[in-house]
């Protein structure tokens, strides 16, 4: 197994386990206000809010890192 892949997997597991811990211990209701988009306050348990913000951050990272170069391109042969 590739060491880089192993480290990325361990990092993702640590982040997800922290998300689970936050969900277990933050049960109070919080308000989310975003006047330009949401006309009324959104009231949800804190754990749901943590999960939603984590998902938005994760998707943002996926979109920003997608579509990179897959390999080194071969130089064009010049004809003489």
Protein backbone atom coordinates (compact mmCIF):
# COMPACT_ATOMS: atom_id res chain seq x y z
CA UNK A 1 0.00 0.00 0.00
CA UNK A 2 1.18 3.48 -0.82
CA UNK A 3 2.33 5.45 2.25
CA UNK A 4 0.68 8.64 1.01
CA UNK A 5 -2.66 6.87 0.61
CA UNK A 6 -2.33 5.36 4.09
CA UNK A 7 -1.69 8.77 5.66
CA UNK A 8 -4.64 10.32 3.82
CA UNK A 9 -6.89 7.47 4.98
CA UNK A 10 -5.77 7.83 8.60
CA UNK A 11 -6.31 11.60 8.46
CA UNK A 12 -9.84 11.12 7.08
CA UNK A 13 -10.63 8.59 9.83
CA UNK A 14 -9.40 10.97 12.53
CA UNK A 15 -11.52 13.82 11.15
CA UNK A 16 -14.59 11.59 10.88
CA UNK A 17 -14.12 10.29 14.42
CA UNK A 18 -13.96 13.88 15.69
CA UNK A 19 -17.19 14.54 13.83
CA UNK A 20 -18.82 11.58 15.61
CA UNK A 21 -17.58 12.84 18.99
CA UNK A 22 -18.99 16.31 18.31
CA UNK A 23 -22.30 14.73 17.40
CA UNK A 24 -22.44 12.73 20.61
CA UNK A 25 -21.68 15.63 22.94
CA UNK A 26 -23.32 18.67 21.29
CA UNK A 27 -27.05 18.08 21.46
CA UNK A 28 -28.29 21.63 22.05
CA UNK A 29 -30.17 23.48 19.32
CA UNK A 30 -28.40 26.29 17.48
CA UNK A 31 -29.62 28.92 15.02
CA UNK A 32 -28.09 29.43 11.59
CA UNK A 33 -28.73 32.84 10.04
CA UNK A 34 -27.97 33.63 6.40
CA UNK A 35 -30.30 36.51 5.44
CA UNK A 36 -29.53 36.73 1.70
CA UNK A 37 -30.39 33.03 1.16
CA UNK A 38 -32.52 31.87 4.11
CA UNK A 39 -35.46 34.16 4.97
CA UNK A 40 -35.88 32.62 8.45
CA UNK A 41 -33.44 31.23 10.99
CA UNK A 42 -32.64 27.55 10.63
CA UNK A 43 -32.79 25.77 14.02
CA UNK A 44 -31.09 22.37 14.17
CA UNK A 45 -29.07 20.37 16.70
CA UNK A 46 -25.42 21.41 16.76
CA UNK A 47 -24.33 17.96 15.57
CA UNK A 48 -26.33 18.35 12.35
CA UNK A 49 -24.75 21.75 11.76
CA UNK A 50 -21.25 20.31 12.28
CA UNK A 51 -22.01 17.55 9.81
CA UNK A 52 -23.40 19.98 7.22
CA UNK A 53 -20.39 22.29 7.41
CA UNK A 54 -18.03 19.31 7.26
CA UNK A 55 -19.81 18.02 4.14
CA UNK A 56 -19.63 21.43 2.45
CA UNK A 57 -15.92 21.69 3.26
CA UNK A 58 -15.25 18.16 2.03
CA UNK A 59 -17.08 18.75 -1.25
CA UNK A 60 -15.24 22.04 -1.73
CA UNK A 61 -11.92 20.26 -1.33
CA UNK A 62 -12.94 17.55 -3.81
CA UNK A 63 -14.01 20.11 -6.40
CA UNK A 64 -10.84 22.17 -5.98
CA UNK A 65 -8.53 19.17 -6.32
CA UNK A 66 -10.39 17.43 -9.16
CA UNK A 67 -9.24 17.64 -12.75
CA UNK A 68 -5.49 17.90 -12.21
CA UNK A 69 -2.86 16.41 -14.48
CA UNK A 70 -2.79 12.63 -14.40
CA UNK A 71 0.71 12.13 -15.69
CA UNK A 72 3.60 13.83 -17.37
CA UNK A 73 2.86 14.64 -20.97
CA UNK A 74 5.27 13.44 -23.61
CA UNK A 75 7.14 16.16 -25.45
CA UNK A 76 6.20 16.54 -29.10
CA UNK A 77 8.67 15.16 -31.60
CA UNK A 78 10.13 17.80 -33.85
CA UNK A 79 10.70 16.80 -37.44
CA UNK A 80 13.86 17.99 -39.18
